[in-house]
Every structure is written in structure tokens, then in C-alpha cells.
């Protein structure tokens, strides 16, 4: 932040990031009085043309490195198309590696706030890191656009703030676990008539939440989850886990894996002949996103997943986005690129509404809350209560088209809104 009086000292930052500060932050946030119109006009005029610093915290190493690279490519493409400016402010994107480590993510967030004086933050792929930095972001009154991590608690009111609670400074241009995982559970139970399923997910925050959300909706629809299995994040060898799946009788497997974990899982799945044995791969859409499909090619053919976007989605905005991304990088984009793109689009429109002013936080928050636009995913808007997107959820099946494995949309659940509180 440019105002040094709002900066945290290292000691205050660490205290604010602790559990006590996190719990205290659940109380009502202080709301500054509205600025006089003359002061607001002067602030906006002073801001115009001043460099806009965006701290972008992404993984560039370990299991989710390609996700971070995709989101960085999307950032650079958006800024290139915008002429390097948003609302007449030249943009400097400061990238840092979250390294799939909450402690590292917290340190990098501290750097953004204390040293870089960024105007706002974007990024974070892994849910534990998003939870770890939430208190620090809120205490610093830092506008943060979460462009991937789907932990439910980040944008919900949670009793006792464990592990987190809603902050008015946090928005999400991606999804919540519930939005991805609950609709497909209901879809399989009530529309496809699947009676039994087995869950196999990554053993960390989002994997646990995804399995729970799927299980809750699947059983509510009349299905039965016959068992569960977890694999450590970043597992090099999935053969022992897939062997366990093959040694149990339930054929429909619901999974959450992403990045190199998804690649290794799909390869092991085929190596052990799971399709021939009648097992069916289903899951949260990251399991078969384009970053994965470009590596496994047709090995995921027939897998059914849920997500709010597919490269084959038929709308003008998606066609333009896919064409531009492919022309720039000679790659098909993935959902991670879309999430970053939409986060930047929301920031861009909010900045236009405030005439480039980011100093008046309440005005900028109100501008973000009012943002609506046509996205590659379809209609985009924030739920003003949760700051989580309201979005269509698509049921997708992997098919090979023109020699490329892609997700083809086979059904849709319209305007899925996170409940904003725990579900039962």
C-alpha cells in the first residue's frame, strides 16, 4: 500500500497473522467514514497516471508449477492487450513463488505489504496458503483477489473463525470447493442414477473439502459412498493407490487431483487397466484440465468432471480468449488462465469505476461488488454477501477432437452460488 501509515511492522504482521488475530478478525470490520466528494475527486486525480503495483503470489515450483505459469501467462496477455495500463495507471506485476508452503506464502505476503507497497494482491493456488495469509491481508486492509484456491471458509462466515472467516477485503474470481464438488455429487445420484461411489483425493485442505462436499450431496441424493482414500500432495508414485482402488468393488471413483498429481494418477490408472476392468474416472474438473490433458493426451478419455469452464465452451468471449492465448503462447489455455483473466477484468472494471483510485478501500470494494461482465466462462458477477462468483457449473466429458483431448460439455447446472455457510 502506498500509505505508509497503513503498513504493518514485522512484529505487528506476525501477530496479526496468528490464530488470536484471526479469531478477532471475525468481528465487524471497521468502516471508514465516506470521504467528501471533493477529497475523493482529488484522490482520484492524484492516482491517475501513478503506477499500479499488483503483488501476484503463484506457485512456480513443485506440484502446481504449471498452474502458476499458466496464470502468469494470462496476466501478461491481459496487460499486453490493455497496453500495460489499467484506468490510465501503468501496471507493475510483482511475482513471487508461494512454493506450496503456507509459511513461505505468508512471508511473501509480508513482503508485498511491507516492502513492495503493492496496491492489491492476486493469486494463490493452494488452499492452506490462502487460509494462512487471510488474517494478514485483512489486518492490512489489502484488497486481495483470490484467483484459484477454493477453500470454502475463505469467503464464508464460520463460527469461531476456524480455520478462517470472511473478510470484506477478499474476493474470489475462481470458485469454492462446494461449487465444484457438490453439484456433481447431486448430478450422479439424482440424474445419472449412480448408487455407489468411492472417493480418492489429495490429502490436504481442498482435497478433504472436495470429498466432503461430494459425499454430502451424493448421499443426500440417495447414493452411498463405500470408502475413501487419500494420497499425499506431490506423490511421485500412484500405482499403490490405484492398486487399492482396483482391489475394491465400487466402479465409480470421485477424485480431486491437479497439476502433476493428476498426470501421475491418470497414467497409473491406465497402466493398471482400470478402464478395461470397468472402473470410471470422475471428479472435480482440475483432474482433466488442459494442463493435464496436454501431457496425458487420450489417457483420460471418457472421464467426467465438473467445472465452470471448458476450452470448448461456445461463447464469443471464450473463442476470443482461446484464440488470443493460443496465438500468443501456442498452447490451449486452461481454467487457471481463465480465473486470472477474470480477476484482472474485475480489477480493471472496478478501477475504471473509481477513476483509478485504490486508496479509498470502501469505494473500491463497492466497485468490485458491482462488477458484472461477459467472461470466457459465461456471465460473471460476485455474490455481494460472500465475494465468491455466481457461475454456471458444467458437467464435462473428455473426448478427442481434431487430434486433441478436450473437455466437452454434456450438461449444465445454472447459476451455482456458494451457500456462504457450512452445509448439512
Protein backbone atom coordinates (compact mmCIF):
# COMPACT_ATOMS: atom_id res chain seq x y z
CA UNK A 1 0.00 0.00 0.00
CA UNK A 2 1.24 3.46 -0.78
CA UNK A 3 0.09 4.97 2.54
CA UNK A 4 2.89 4.21 4.99
CA UNK A 5 0.57 4.72 7.97
CA UNK A 6 -1.35 1.60 6.89
CA UNK A 7 1.74 -0.57 6.68
CA UNK A 8 2.41 -3.29 9.22
CA UNK A 9 5.66 -3.62 11.10
CA UNK A 10 7.10 -7.13 11.02
CA UNK A 11 6.08 -7.71 14.63
CA UNK A 12 2.52 -6.48 14.07
CA UNK A 13 2.25 -8.51 10.88
CA UNK A 14 3.20 -11.74 12.58
CA UNK A 15 0.86 -11.06 15.48
CA UNK A 16 -1.97 -10.25 13.09
CA UNK A 17 -1.37 -13.49 11.26
CA UNK A 18 -1.67 -15.64 14.37
CA UNK A 19 -4.71 -17.57 15.49
CA UNK A 20 -5.79 -14.95 18.01
CA UNK A 21 -5.83 -12.21 15.41
CA UNK A 22 -7.67 -14.49 13.02
CA UNK A 23 -10.40 -15.08 15.58
CA UNK A 24 -10.61 -11.40 16.46
CA UNK A 25 -10.94 -10.54 12.80
CA UNK A 26 -14.30 -12.29 12.69
CA UNK A 27 -15.87 -9.28 14.37
CA UNK A 28 -17.30 -6.43 12.30
CA UNK A 29 -14.61 -4.68 10.27
CA UNK A 30 -14.11 -1.01 10.95
CA UNK A 31 -15.65 1.02 8.15
CA UNK A 32 -14.03 4.38 7.49
CA UNK A 33 -16.39 7.30 7.03
CA UNK A 34 -17.18 8.21 3.46
CA UNK A 35 -14.80 10.79 2.03
CA UNK A 36 -16.14 14.14 0.98
CA UNK A 37 -16.71 14.33 -2.75
CA UNK A 38 -14.03 16.96 -3.18
CA UNK A 39 -11.48 14.82 -1.35
CA UNK A 40 -12.45 11.77 -3.41
CA UNK A 41 -12.07 13.73 -6.62
CA UNK A 42 -8.65 14.99 -5.53
CA UNK A 43 -7.61 11.44 -4.58
CA UNK A 44 -8.69 10.05 -7.94
CA UNK A 45 -6.90 12.85 -9.77
CA UNK A 46 -3.72 12.23 -7.80
CA UNK A 47 -3.94 8.49 -8.52
CA UNK A 48 -4.42 8.82 -12.28
CA UNK A 49 -1.20 8.01 -14.06
CA UNK A 50 0.53 6.70 -10.93
CA UNK A 51 1.99 3.20 -11.26
CA UNK A 52 -0.32 0.46 -10.03
CA UNK A 53 1.54 -2.30 -8.19
CA UNK A 54 -0.05 -5.75 -8.09
CA UNK A 55 1.51 -8.44 -5.94
CA UNK A 56 0.95 -11.79 -7.67
CA UNK A 57 1.58 -14.83 -5.46
CA UNK A 58 1.69 -18.05 -7.50
CA UNK A 59 3.45 -21.44 -7.49
CA UNK A 60 6.41 -21.61 -9.86
CA UNK A 61 7.96 -24.73 -8.32
CA UNK A 62 6.74 -28.14 -7.09
CA UNK A 63 3.45 -29.88 -7.90
CA UNK A 64 1.48 -26.83 -9.09
CA UNK A 65 4.24 -25.04 -11.02
CA UNK A 66 2.44 -25.26 -14.36
CA UNK A 67 -0.69 -23.73 -12.82
CA UNK A 68 1.34 -20.72 -11.75
CA UNK A 69 2.96 -20.46 -15.16
CA UNK A 70 -0.44 -20.52 -16.84
CA UNK A 71 -1.75 -17.75 -14.59
CA UNK A 72 1.35 -15.66 -15.19
CA UNK A 73 0.92 -16.06 -18.96
CA UNK A 74 -2.70 -14.95 -18.63
CA UNK A 75 -1.68 -11.89 -16.58
CA UNK A 76 0.88 -10.84 -19.14
CA UNK A 77 -1.53 -11.34 -22.03
CA UNK A 78 -4.25 -9.27 -20.36
CA UNK A 79 -1.86 -6.44 -19.58
CA UNK A 80 -0.43 -6.58 -23.09
CA UNK A 81 -3.90 -6.22 -24.60
CA UNK A 82 -4.60 -3.35 -22.19
CA UNK A 83 -1.47 -1.52 -23.31
CA UNK A 84 0.22 -2.07 -19.96
CA UNK A 85 -2.26 0.22 -18.17
CA UNK A 86 -5.45 -0.15 -16.15
CA UNK A 87 -7.56 3.01 -15.76
CA UNK A 88 -4.64 5.06 -17.09
CA UNK A 89 -2.27 3.66 -14.46
CA UNK A 90 0.85 1.84 -15.71
CA UNK A 91 0.84 -1.63 -14.14
CA UNK A 92 3.78 -3.35 -12.46
CA UNK A 93 3.10 -7.00 -11.63
CA UNK A 94 5.43 -8.28 -8.89
CA UNK A 95 5.59 -12.08 -8.97
CA UNK A 96 6.53 -14.28 -6.03
CA UNK A 97 6.61 -18.07 -5.64
CA UNK A 98 4.26 -19.47 -2.99
CA UNK A 99 6.25 -22.75 -3.20
CA UNK A 100 3.26 -24.75 -1.95
CA UNK A 101 4.21 -23.73 1.60
CA UNK A 102 1.95 -21.66 3.90
CA UNK A 103 4.94 -20.20 5.78
CA UNK A 104 6.54 -19.09 2.51
CA UNK A 105 3.22 -17.67 1.31
CA UNK A 106 2.92 -15.65 4.50
CA UNK A 107 6.47 -14.32 4.13
CA UNK A 108 5.83 -13.28 0.54
CA UNK A 109 2.58 -11.58 1.54
CA UNK A 110 4.52 -9.69 4.20
CA UNK A 111 7.00 -8.61 1.53
CA UNK A 112 4.18 -7.31 -0.68
CA UNK A 113 2.75 -5.28 2.19
CA UNK A 114 5.85 -4.02 3.97
CA UNK A 115 8.48 -3.72 1.23
CA UNK A 116 6.76 -3.55 -2.14
CA UNK A 117 3.85 -1.37 -1.02
CA UNK A 118 1.53 -3.06 -3.51
CA UNK A 119 -1.92 -1.59 -4.18
CA UNK A 120 -3.58 -5.00 -4.26
CA UNK A 121 -2.80 -8.72 -4.30
CA UNK A 122 -3.82 -11.56 -6.60
CA UNK A 123 -3.10 -15.26 -6.92
CA UNK A 124 -2.57 -18.23 -4.56
CA UNK A 125 -3.28 -21.73 -5.81
CA UNK A 126 -3.22 -23.91 -2.68
CA UNK A 127 -5.99 -23.61 -0.07
CA UNK A 128 -3.70 -23.89 3.01
CA UNK A 129 -1.74 -20.86 1.80
CA UNK A 130 -4.92 -18.83 1.26
CA UNK A 131 -6.01 -19.65 4.80
CA UNK A 132 -2.54 -18.80 6.15
CA UNK A 133 -2.45 -15.27 4.67
CA UNK A 134 -6.08 -14.35 5.28
CA UNK A 135 -5.50 -12.66 8.63
CA UNK A 136 -2.56 -10.61 7.39
CA UNK A 137 -4.45 -9.41 4.32
CA UNK A 138 -7.45 -8.42 6.41
CA UNK A 139 -5.37 -6.61 9.05
CA UNK A 140 -3.53 -4.66 6.35
CA UNK A 141 -6.83 -3.78 4.61
CA UNK A 142 -5.27 -5.16 1.45
CA UNK A 143 -7.63 -5.86 -1.45
CA UNK A 144 -6.95 -9.47 -2.42
CA UNK A 145 -8.40 -11.22 -5.47
CA UNK A 146 -8.07 -14.96 -4.89
CA UNK A 147 -7.63 -16.44 -8.37
CA UNK A 148 -7.61 -20.14 -7.55
CA UNK A 149 -7.70 -21.59 -4.01
CA UNK A 150 -11.19 -22.92 -3.37
CA UNK A 151 -11.25 -23.47 0.40
CA UNK A 152 -14.83 -22.85 1.46
CA UNK A 153 -14.01 -20.93 4.64
CA UNK A 154 -12.15 -18.17 2.82
CA UNK A 155 -15.37 -16.47 1.74
CA UNK A 156 -17.77 -17.78 4.39
CA UNK A 157 -18.89 -16.82 7.87
CA UNK A 158 -17.51 -19.62 10.02
CA UNK A 159 -18.12 -19.99 13.74
CA UNK A 160 -15.00 -19.18 15.79
CA UNK A 161 -13.09 -18.44 12.58
CA UNK A 162 -11.61 -21.91 12.32
CA UNK A 163 -9.74 -22.10 10.02
CA UNK A 164 -10.83 -18.75 8.65
CA UNK A 165 -13.66 -16.31 8.26
CA UNK A 166 -14.91 -13.85 5.71
CA UNK A 167 -13.04 -10.58 5.15
CA UNK A 168 -14.54 -7.69 3.23
CA UNK A 169 -11.16 -7.17 1.54
CA UNK A 170 -11.10 -10.66 -0.03
CA UNK A 171 -12.77 -11.50 -3.36
CA UNK A 172 -12.55 -14.68 -5.38
CA UNK A 173 -12.56 -14.96 -9.19
CA UNK A 174 -12.34 -18.74 -9.09
CA UNK A 175 -14.68 -21.00 -7.08
CA UNK A 176 -15.39 -22.59 -3.74
CA UNK A 177 -14.96 -26.31 -3.16
CA UNK A 178 -18.69 -26.61 -2.65
CA UNK A 179 -19.45 -25.05 -6.03
CA UNK A 180 -17.29 -27.60 -7.84
CA UNK A 181 -17.86 -30.71 -5.76
CA UNK A 182 -21.47 -30.59 -4.57
CA UNK A 183 -23.26 -30.25 -7.94
CA UNK A 184 -21.56 -33.30 -9.45
CA UNK A 185 -22.49 -35.40 -6.40
CA UNK A 186 -26.14 -34.49 -6.85
CA UNK A 187 -25.87 -34.96 -10.63
CA UNK A 188 -24.56 -38.51 -10.34
CA UNK A 189 -27.07 -39.52 -7.67
CA UNK A 190 -30.24 -37.94 -9.00
CA UNK A 191 -29.73 -37.60 -12.75
CA UNK A 192 -27.41 -40.47 -13.63
CA UNK A 193 -28.73 -42.91 -11.05
CA UNK A 194 -25.30 -43.84 -9.69
CA UNK A 195 -25.85 -45.82 -6.49
CA UNK A 196 -22.31 -46.14 -5.13
CA UNK A 197 -19.10 -44.13 -5.33
CA UNK A 198 -15.63 -44.27 -3.81
CA UNK A 199 -13.61 -41.10 -3.12
CA UNK A 200 -9.88 -40.70 -3.77
CA UNK A 201 -8.40 -37.23 -3.24
CA UNK A 202 -5.23 -35.31 -2.44
CA UNK A 203 -4.52 -35.29 1.29
CA UNK A 204 -4.71 -31.56 2.04
CA UNK A 205 -7.28 -28.81 2.55
CA UNK A 206 -9.06 -28.69 -0.79
CA UNK A 207 -8.99 -32.45 -1.31
CA UNK A 208 -10.61 -33.01 2.08
CA UNK A 209 -13.26 -30.35 1.44
CA UNK A 210 -13.97 -31.63 -2.07
CA UNK A 211 -14.54 -35.19 -0.86
CA UNK A 212 -16.79 -33.96 1.94
CA UNK A 213 -18.87 -31.73 -0.36
CA UNK A 214 -19.26 -34.50 -2.93
CA UNK A 215 -20.19 -37.03 -0.24
CA UNK A 216 -22.77 -34.72 1.33
CA UNK A 217 -24.67 -34.08 -1.91
CA UNK A 218 -24.27 -37.63 -3.28
CA UNK A 219 -25.68 -39.24 -0.13
CA UNK A 220 -28.45 -36.64 0.12
CA UNK A 221 -29.45 -37.68 -3.40
CA UNK A 222 -29.67 -41.32 -2.36
CA UNK A 223 -26.16 -42.53 -3.20
CA UNK A 224 -23.75 -44.33 -0.90
CA UNK A 225 -20.02 -43.63 -0.53
CA UNK A 226 -18.48 -47.04 0.07
CA UNK A 227 -14.99 -45.92 1.04
CA UNK A 228 -12.31 -43.27 0.77
CA UNK A 229 -8.61 -42.98 0.09
CA UNK A 230 -6.11 -40.11 0.16
CA UNK A 231 -2.69 -39.61 -1.42
CA UNK A 232 -0.08 -37.13 -0.14
CA UNK A 233 0.22 -33.99 -2.22
CA UNK A 234 3.08 -34.32 -4.69
CA UNK A 235 3.10 -38.13 -4.72
CA UNK A 236 5.56 -39.49 -7.27
CA UNK A 237 4.05 -42.98 -7.47
CA UNK A 238 0.29 -43.50 -7.74
CA UNK A 239 0.45 -47.22 -8.55
CA UNK A 240 -0.01 -48.34 -4.90
CA UNK A 241 -3.08 -46.12 -4.54
CA UNK A 242 -4.69 -47.19 -7.81
CA UNK A 243 -4.00 -50.82 -6.85
CA UNK A 244 -6.11 -50.23 -3.74
CA UNK A 245 -8.88 -48.75 -5.89
CA UNK A 246 -8.81 -51.82 -8.13
CA UNK A 247 -8.96 -54.14 -5.12
CA UNK A 248 -12.35 -52.76 -4.04
CA UNK A 249 -15.59 -53.34 -5.97
CA UNK A 250 -17.11 -49.83 -6.38
CA UNK A 251 -16.64 -48.79 -10.00
CA UNK A 252 -17.36 -45.04 -9.87
CA UNK A 253 -14.38 -43.18 -8.40
CA UNK A 254 -14.68 -39.50 -7.47
CA UNK A 255 -11.30 -37.74 -7.31
CA UNK A 256 -9.65 -34.42 -6.80
CA UNK A 257 -6.10 -34.07 -8.07
CA UNK A 258 -4.44 -31.31 -10.05
CA UNK A 259 -1.11 -30.50 -11.70
CA UNK A 260 1.49 -33.27 -11.74
CA UNK A 261 -0.58 -35.31 -9.26
CA UNK A 262 -3.40 -35.56 -11.80
CA UNK A 263 -0.94 -36.54 -14.54
CA UNK A 264 0.64 -39.28 -12.42
CA UNK A 265 -2.75 -40.57 -11.28
CA UNK A 266 -4.15 -40.85 -14.81
CA UNK A 267 -1.03 -42.64 -16.04
CA UNK A 268 -1.21 -45.14 -13.17
CA UNK A 269 -4.95 -45.59 -13.77
CA UNK A 270 -4.28 -46.69 -17.35
CA UNK A 271 -1.16 -48.70 -16.52
CA UNK A 272 -3.25 -50.88 -14.20
CA UNK A 273 -6.03 -51.30 -16.78
CA UNK A 274 -8.79 -49.59 -14.81
CA UNK A 275 -10.98 -48.74 -17.86
CA UNK A 276 -10.89 -52.33 -19.11
CA UNK A 277 -11.85 -53.51 -15.61
CA UNK A 278 -14.96 -51.30 -15.71
CA UNK A 279 -13.82 -48.52 -13.39
CA UNK A 280 -14.97 -44.99 -14.21
CA UNK A 281 -12.93 -41.84 -13.51
CA UNK A 282 -14.96 -38.86 -12.26
CA UNK A 283 -14.07 -35.79 -10.28
CA UNK A 284 -13.50 -32.09 -9.81
CA UNK A 285 -12.62 -30.57 -13.18
CA UNK A 286 -8.96 -29.87 -12.41
CA UNK A 287 -8.37 -33.61 -12.76
CA UNK A 288 -8.70 -33.32 -16.54
CA UNK A 289 -7.92 -29.66 -17.22
CA UNK A 290 -5.95 -28.71 -20.34
CA UNK A 291 -2.65 -28.52 -18.43
CA UNK A 292 -3.15 -32.21 -17.63
CA UNK A 293 -4.62 -33.30 -20.97
CA UNK A 294 -1.70 -31.89 -22.94
CA UNK A 295 0.50 -34.38 -21.05
CA UNK A 296 -1.75 -37.47 -20.83
CA UNK A 297 -3.45 -36.94 -24.20
CA UNK A 298 -6.18 -39.59 -24.70
CA UNK A 299 -5.46 -41.49 -21.48
CA UNK A 300 -8.29 -39.63 -19.71
CA UNK A 301 -10.79 -40.31 -22.50
CA UNK A 302 -14.31 -40.65 -21.08
CA UNK A 303 -13.55 -39.09 -17.68
CA UNK A 304 -16.46 -36.99 -16.36
CA UNK A 305 -15.79 -33.88 -14.29
CA UNK A 306 -17.47 -30.70 -13.09
CA UNK A 307 -16.13 -27.20 -13.64
CA UNK A 308 -17.33 -23.70 -14.58
CA UNK A 309 -15.41 -23.58 -17.87
CA UNK A 310 -14.18 -25.72 -20.73
CA UNK A 311 -11.98 -24.81 -23.65
CA UNK A 312 -14.85 -25.91 -25.92
CA UNK A 313 -17.41 -23.59 -24.31
CA UNK A 314 -19.33 -21.89 -27.11
CA UNK A 315 -19.46 -18.16 -26.49
CA UNK A 316 -17.83 -15.18 -28.19
CA UNK A 317 -15.68 -14.24 -25.19
CA UNK A 318 -14.27 -17.74 -24.84
CA UNK A 319 -13.49 -18.04 -28.53
CA UNK A 320 -11.66 -14.70 -28.47
CA UNK A 321 -9.77 -15.65 -25.29
CA UNK A 322 -8.75 -19.10 -26.58
CA UNK A 323 -7.64 -17.65 -29.93
CA UNK A 324 -5.58 -14.88 -28.30
CA UNK A 325 -3.94 -17.20 -25.78
CA UNK A 326 -3.17 -19.83 -28.41
CA UNK A 327 -1.74 -17.22 -30.76
CA UNK A 328 0.47 -15.74 -28.02
CA UNK A 329 1.74 -18.99 -26.48
CA UNK A 330 0.97 -21.76 -28.97
CA UNK A 331 -0.98 -23.51 -26.19
CA UNK A 332 -4.61 -24.10 -25.39
CA UNK A 333 -5.49 -22.17 -22.22
CA UNK A 334 -6.73 -23.86 -19.07
CA UNK A 335 -9.12 -22.85 -16.31
CA UNK A 336 -6.29 -21.32 -14.27
CA UNK A 337 -5.65 -18.84 -17.05
CA UNK A 338 -9.37 -18.01 -17.14
CA UNK A 339 -9.51 -17.37 -13.40
CA UNK A 340 -6.57 -14.98 -13.54
CA UNK A 341 -8.00 -13.27 -16.62
CA UNK A 342 -11.36 -12.72 -14.94
CA UNK A 343 -9.69 -11.47 -11.76
CA UNK A 344 -7.86 -8.85 -13.80
CA UNK A 345 -11.00 -7.97 -15.72
CA UNK A 346 -12.85 -7.35 -12.44
CA UNK A 347 -9.98 -5.17 -11.17
CA UNK A 348 -9.89 -3.30 -14.48
CA UNK A 349 -13.61 -2.50 -14.40
CA UNK A 350 -13.52 -1.53 -10.72
CA UNK A 351 -10.59 0.80 -11.38
CA UNK A 352 -12.49 2.40 -14.22
CA UNK A 353 -15.44 2.97 -11.86
CA UNK A 354 -13.20 4.64 -9.26
CA UNK A 355 -11.20 6.56 -11.88
CA UNK A 356 -8.10 4.61 -10.93
CA UNK A 357 -8.37 5.30 -7.20
CA UNK A 358 -7.35 2.38 -4.93
CA UNK A 359 -6.78 4.48 -1.79
CA UNK A 360 -10.46 4.66 -0.86
CA UNK A 361 -10.89 0.99 0.04
CA UNK A 362 -14.63 1.13 0.63
CA UNK A 363 -15.21 2.73 -2.77
CA UNK A 364 -13.01 0.15 -4.48
CA UNK A 365 -14.77 -2.71 -2.65
CA UNK A 366 -18.15 -1.33 -3.73
CA UNK A 367 -16.91 -1.09 -7.32
CA UNK A 368 -15.74 -4.72 -7.26
CA UNK A 369 -19.04 -5.85 -5.75
CA UNK A 370 -20.88 -4.17 -8.61
CA UNK A 371 -18.72 -5.71 -11.33
CA UNK A 372 -20.55 -7.73 -13.99
CA UNK A 373 -19.19 -8.78 -17.37
CA UNK A 374 -19.17 -11.42 -20.08
CA UNK A 375 -16.35 -13.86 -19.33
CA UNK A 376 -14.90 -16.83 -21.20
CA UNK A 377 -16.84 -18.89 -18.61
CA UNK A 378 -20.14 -17.04 -19.31
CA UNK A 379 -21.78 -14.34 -17.17
CA UNK A 380 -19.51 -13.25 -14.31
CA UNK A 381 -20.52 -11.46 -11.15
CA UNK A 382 -19.61 -11.55 -7.46
CA UNK A 383 -22.08 -12.56 -4.78
CA UNK A 384 -22.10 -9.38 -2.69
CA UNK A 385 -22.55 -11.39 0.51
CA UNK A 386 -19.62 -13.79 0.07
CA UNK A 387 -17.49 -12.10 -2.65
CA UNK A 388 -17.47 -15.53 -4.33
CA UNK A 389 -18.52 -15.82 -8.00
CA UNK A 390 -22.04 -16.77 -9.03
CA UNK A 391 -21.49 -19.06 -12.02
CA UNK A 392 -22.78 -21.89 -14.13
CA UNK A 393 -21.29 -25.31 -13.44
CA UNK A 394 -20.71 -27.61 -16.39
CA UNK A 395 -20.59 -31.39 -16.48
CA UNK A 396 -17.81 -32.28 -18.91
CA UNK A 397 -16.56 -35.43 -20.60
CA UNK A 398 -13.07 -35.85 -22.05
CA UNK A 399 -13.12 -36.56 -25.78
CA UNK A 400 -10.55 -36.40 -28.54
CA UNK A 401 -11.39 -33.79 -31.18
CA UNK A 402 -9.17 -32.96 -34.14
CA UNK A 403 -6.37 -34.94 -32.52
CA UNK A 404 -6.56 -33.08 -29.19
CA UNK A 405 -8.04 -34.24 -25.89
CA UNK A 406 -10.55 -31.66 -24.64
CA UNK A 407 -13.44 -31.43 -22.20
CA UNK A 408 -16.81 -31.44 -23.97
CA UNK A 409 -19.83 -30.07 -22.10
CA UNK A 410 -22.61 -32.62 -21.65
CA UNK A 411 -24.81 -30.83 -19.08
CA UNK A 412 -25.11 -27.63 -17.04
CA UNK A 413 -26.20 -26.58 -13.56
CA UNK A 414 -27.11 -22.89 -13.83
CA UNK A 415 -26.00 -20.07 -11.53
CA UNK A 416 -24.44 -22.03 -8.70
CA UNK A 417 -23.99 -19.83 -5.63
CA UNK A 418 -21.94 -20.89 -2.63
CA UNK A 419 -24.23 -21.09 0.43
CA UNK A 420 -21.90 -18.86 2.45
CA UNK A 421 -22.12 -21.14 5.46
CA UNK A 422 -21.47 -24.80 6.27
CA UNK A 423 -23.94 -27.23 4.69
CA UNK A 424 -25.53 -30.18 6.43
